[in-house]
Amino acid sequence: MKIKAIGFDFDGTLIESEEQKAKEMAKVFKECFSISKGVASAYKQLAGKALNRKEKIRLLFQKLLKRKATAKELKEMEEHFGRHYRKVLRTCPLFQCSNMVKELRKQVRFLFLLSLENRKEVQKVAEHCGLAKYFDEILGGPQGKITHFLHVIQKHHLKPSEVMYIGDSHTDVIAGKKAGVKVILLGKNHLYERLKQDLQADFRFSSLCEVQVTV
């Protein structure tokens, strides 16, 4: 089956940002609640679990402050972290092999960028880094990845098997399988038993630079 649409995860795939995002979340909790110890490590434990920003902050509140966040606090923390997120990604920490995106743009009908971070912020970062022009659509939170996969399939009249997604987390594989799309899983630390037995990505590579997609 010919691949007609390819999607890229953003954080951790096109941009190496997860480590920095953990540091920035620590800064946010320190600025707002004078808490920094344990924030970065707690944030890293939430990475790759298909949680949007609000869900991560809600869980961090329970773990670090031992209480539920109010709606006002959630909103303020989301916006506060958003300012940090945009600022730190202005340096455009892209993989050197991002030229792959430029080449694929010429070969497929539809190219999309997908993140669980706030869509408007991802749009701004992608524009600043010169990536937005290669994508037909940039999708983001608070909607989940399955919702976005189904949106791409239905809007562009594609069969699920004609869509491929490139991501770096176990939840990318799970979401892809539920939507019926093919998944390329990146990273060297995914080959443990649960993944091998239950998830079964269509393809696995240690980094984006190793991927060669023929469409």
Protein backbone atom coordinates (compact mmCIF):
# COMPACT_ATOMS: atom_id res chain seq x y z
CA MET A 1 0.00 0.00 0.00
CA LYS A 2 1.44 3.37 -1.02
CA ILE A 3 1.99 5.83 1.84
CA LYS A 4 0.15 9.06 1.05
CA ALA A 5 0.45 10.91 4.37
CA ILE A 6 3.25 11.09 6.92
CA GLY A 7 3.07 12.62 10.37
CA PHE A 8 5.89 13.64 12.67
CA ASP A 9 5.86 13.87 16.42
CA PHE A 10 7.37 17.18 17.53
CA ASP A 11 8.98 17.06 20.96
CA GLY A 12 11.62 14.34 21.13
CA THR A 13 11.43 13.53 17.41
CA LEU A 14 11.97 16.67 15.33
CA ILE A 15 13.07 18.77 18.29
CA GLU A 16 15.10 17.43 21.19
CA SER A 17 13.26 19.21 23.94
CA GLU A 18 12.08 16.81 26.63
CA GLU A 19 15.11 17.32 28.89
CA GLN A 20 14.82 21.08 28.57
CA LYS A 21 11.06 21.01 29.13
CA ALA A 22 11.63 19.20 32.44
CA LYS A 23 14.04 21.95 33.51
CA GLU A 24 11.60 24.65 32.50
CA MET A 25 8.75 23.01 34.41
CA ALA A 26 11.00 23.02 37.48
CA LYS A 27 11.52 26.76 36.99
CA VAL A 28 7.77 27.30 36.73
CA PHE A 29 7.05 25.48 40.01
CA LYS A 30 9.87 27.36 41.71
CA GLU A 31 8.60 30.72 40.48
CA CYS A 32 4.99 30.00 41.41
CA PHE A 33 5.31 27.86 44.56
CA SER A 34 9.01 28.00 45.57
CA ILE A 35 9.30 24.29 44.78
CA SER A 36 12.03 22.97 42.50
CA LYS A 37 13.31 19.81 44.12
CA GLY A 38 11.94 16.72 42.42
CA VAL A 39 10.00 18.61 39.74
CA ALA A 40 12.21 17.73 36.79
CA SER A 41 12.37 14.04 37.67
CA ALA A 42 8.60 13.91 38.25
CA TYR A 43 8.02 15.56 34.87
CA LYS A 44 10.29 13.07 33.11
CA GLN A 45 8.23 10.21 34.55
CA LEU A 46 5.20 11.62 32.74
CA ALA A 47 6.96 11.86 29.38
CA GLY A 48 5.75 9.44 26.73
CA LYS A 49 2.40 8.82 28.44
CA ALA A 50 0.27 10.72 25.93
CA LEU A 51 -0.61 13.44 28.44
CA ASN A 52 -1.29 16.99 27.37
CA ARG A 53 0.10 19.94 29.31
CA LYS A 54 -2.92 20.38 31.58
CA GLU A 55 -2.93 16.69 32.52
CA LYS A 56 0.78 16.79 33.36
CA ILE A 57 0.38 19.87 35.53
CA ARG A 58 -2.60 18.32 37.31
CA LEU A 59 -0.56 15.21 38.17
CA LEU A 60 2.45 17.28 39.23
CA PHE A 61 0.23 19.25 41.61
CA GLN A 62 -0.94 16.06 43.28
CA LYS A 63 2.58 14.68 43.57
CA LEU A 64 4.44 17.83 44.60
CA LEU A 65 1.82 19.88 46.44
CA LYS A 66 -0.30 16.96 47.67
CA ARG A 67 -3.52 18.56 46.51
CA LYS A 68 -5.64 19.18 43.46
CA ALA A 69 -5.03 22.27 41.37
CA THR A 70 -7.86 24.74 40.99
CA ALA A 71 -9.10 25.63 37.51
CA LYS A 72 -7.46 29.05 37.90
CA GLU A 73 -4.14 27.52 38.92
CA LEU A 74 -4.20 25.10 36.01
CA LYS A 75 -4.83 27.90 33.55
CA GLU A 76 -2.12 30.11 35.03
CA MET A 77 0.43 27.29 35.12
CA GLU A 78 -0.35 26.29 31.54
CA GLU A 79 0.22 29.84 30.35
CA HIS A 80 3.32 30.27 32.52
CA PHE A 81 4.90 27.10 31.16
CA GLY A 82 3.87 28.12 27.65
CA ARG A 83 5.98 31.26 27.92
CA HIS A 84 8.96 29.17 29.03
CA TYR A 85 8.33 26.63 26.26
CA ARG A 86 8.29 29.23 23.49
CA LYS A 87 11.37 30.95 24.88
CA VAL A 88 13.54 27.85 25.16
CA LEU A 89 12.59 26.52 21.72
CA ARG A 90 13.56 29.76 20.01
CA THR A 91 17.01 28.19 19.73
CA CYS A 92 15.47 25.58 17.37
CA PRO A 93 17.23 22.46 18.73
CA LEU A 94 16.46 20.43 15.59
CA PHE A 95 17.98 17.15 14.55
CA GLN A 96 20.55 17.64 11.79
CA CYS A 97 18.66 15.16 9.60
CA SER A 98 15.55 17.35 9.47
CA ASN A 99 16.28 17.66 5.73
CA MET A 100 14.28 14.43 5.55
CA VAL A 101 11.14 16.53 6.08
CA LYS A 102 11.97 18.66 3.04
CA GLU A 103 12.42 15.59 0.85
CA LEU A 104 9.23 13.90 2.00
CA ARG A 105 7.26 17.08 1.35
CA LYS A 106 7.87 16.45 -2.37
CA GLN A 107 6.77 12.82 -2.24
CA VAL A 108 3.54 12.58 -0.25
CA ARG A 109 0.10 14.07 -0.59
CA PHE A 110 -0.10 15.27 3.00
CA LEU A 111 2.51 15.99 5.67
CA PHE A 112 1.47 16.81 9.22
CA LEU A 113 3.12 17.76 12.49
CA LEU A 114 1.56 16.51 15.72
CA SER A 115 2.20 17.50 19.32
CA LEU A 116 0.31 17.28 22.59
CA GLU A 117 1.55 20.77 23.48
CA ASN A 118 -0.65 23.76 22.77
CA ARG A 119 -1.23 23.91 19.01
CA LYS A 120 -0.78 27.68 18.70
CA GLU A 121 2.54 27.54 20.51
CA VAL A 122 3.78 24.63 18.38
CA GLN A 123 2.71 26.59 15.29
CA LYS A 124 4.77 29.60 16.42
CA VAL A 125 7.84 27.50 17.19
CA ALA A 126 7.58 25.66 13.86
CA GLU A 127 7.28 28.96 12.02
CA HIS A 128 10.21 30.47 13.91
CA CYS A 129 12.38 27.43 13.14
CA GLY A 130 11.44 27.44 9.46
CA LEU A 131 9.58 24.12 9.61
CA ALA A 132 5.95 25.20 9.29
CA LYS A 133 6.19 25.69 5.52
CA TYR A 134 6.80 21.97 4.99
CA PHE A 135 3.62 20.83 6.77
CA ASP A 136 0.11 20.94 5.40
CA GLU A 137 -1.29 20.95 8.90
CA ILE A 138 0.04 21.40 12.43
CA LEU A 139 -2.02 19.66 15.11
CA GLY A 140 -1.76 19.97 18.87
CA GLY A 141 -3.31 19.75 22.30
CA PRO A 142 -5.56 19.47 24.08
CA GLN A 143 -6.94 16.81 21.70
CA GLY A 144 -5.28 13.38 21.82
CA LYS A 145 -3.30 11.74 19.02
CA ILE A 146 -5.96 9.20 18.10
CA THR A 147 -8.40 12.03 17.51
CA HIS A 148 -5.89 13.73 15.25
CA PHE A 149 -5.09 10.55 13.32
CA LEU A 150 -8.79 10.02 12.63
CA HIS A 151 -9.09 13.67 11.61
CA VAL A 152 -6.30 13.25 9.03
CA ILE A 153 -7.80 10.03 7.68
CA GLN A 154 -11.33 11.40 7.37
CA LYS A 155 -10.51 14.91 6.17
CA HIS A 156 -8.19 13.74 3.43
CA HIS A 157 -10.14 10.60 2.46
CA LEU A 158 -7.27 8.25 3.25
CA LYS A 159 -7.16 4.63 4.29
CA PRO A 160 -5.45 4.14 7.67
CA SER A 161 -2.81 1.96 5.98
CA GLU A 162 -1.90 4.94 3.76
CA VAL A 163 -0.80 6.97 6.80
CA MET A 164 2.53 6.65 8.57
CA TYR A 165 3.52 8.32 11.85
CA ILE A 166 7.04 8.82 13.20
CA GLY A 167 7.27 9.14 16.98
CA ASP A 168 9.45 8.35 19.95
CA SER A 169 7.14 6.93 22.62
CA HIS A 170 5.23 3.75 23.36
CA THR A 171 1.99 5.72 23.36
CA ASP A 172 2.67 6.75 19.75
CA VAL A 173 2.59 3.06 18.83
CA ILE A 174 -0.57 2.44 20.84
CA ALA A 175 -2.38 5.43 19.32
CA GLY A 176 -1.24 4.48 15.83
CA LYS A 177 -2.45 0.90 16.23
CA LYS A 178 -5.83 2.03 17.51
CA ALA A 179 -6.25 4.30 14.51
CA GLY A 180 -4.86 1.69 12.12
CA VAL A 181 -1.90 3.78 10.91
CA LYS A 182 1.66 2.54 10.48
CA VAL A 183 4.19 3.69 13.07
CA ILE A 184 7.94 4.19 13.05
CA LEU A 185 9.25 4.15 16.62
CA LEU A 186 12.49 6.00 17.37
CA GLY A 187 14.83 5.41 20.29
CA LYS A 188 17.21 2.84 21.67
CA ASN A 189 15.38 2.12 24.92
CA HIS A 190 12.11 0.63 23.67
CA LEU A 191 13.01 -2.99 23.10
CA TYR A 192 11.97 -4.46 26.41
CA GLU A 193 9.52 -7.33 26.71
CA ARG A 194 6.25 -5.43 27.10
CA LEU A 195 6.91 -3.47 23.94
CA LYS A 196 7.98 -6.53 21.96
CA GLN A 197 4.99 -8.57 23.09
CA ASP A 198 2.20 -6.01 23.16
CA LEU A 199 2.97 -3.03 20.98
CA GLN A 200 4.92 -4.16 17.92
CA ALA A 201 5.78 -1.00 16.05
CA ASP A 202 5.86 -1.44 12.29
CA PHE A 203 9.46 -0.24 12.16
CA ARG A 204 12.10 0.69 14.76
CA PHE A 205 15.13 2.94 14.45
CA SER A 206 17.49 4.38 17.05
CA SER A 207 17.12 7.92 15.64
CA LEU A 208 15.37 9.89 12.95
CA CYS A 209 18.61 10.06 10.99
CA GLU A 210 18.47 6.31 10.36
CA VAL A 211 14.99 6.39 8.84
CA GLN A 212 14.71 6.03 5.09
CA VAL A 213 11.10 6.11 3.94
CA THR A 214 10.20 5.07 0.40
CA VAL A 215 6.71 6.24 -0.50
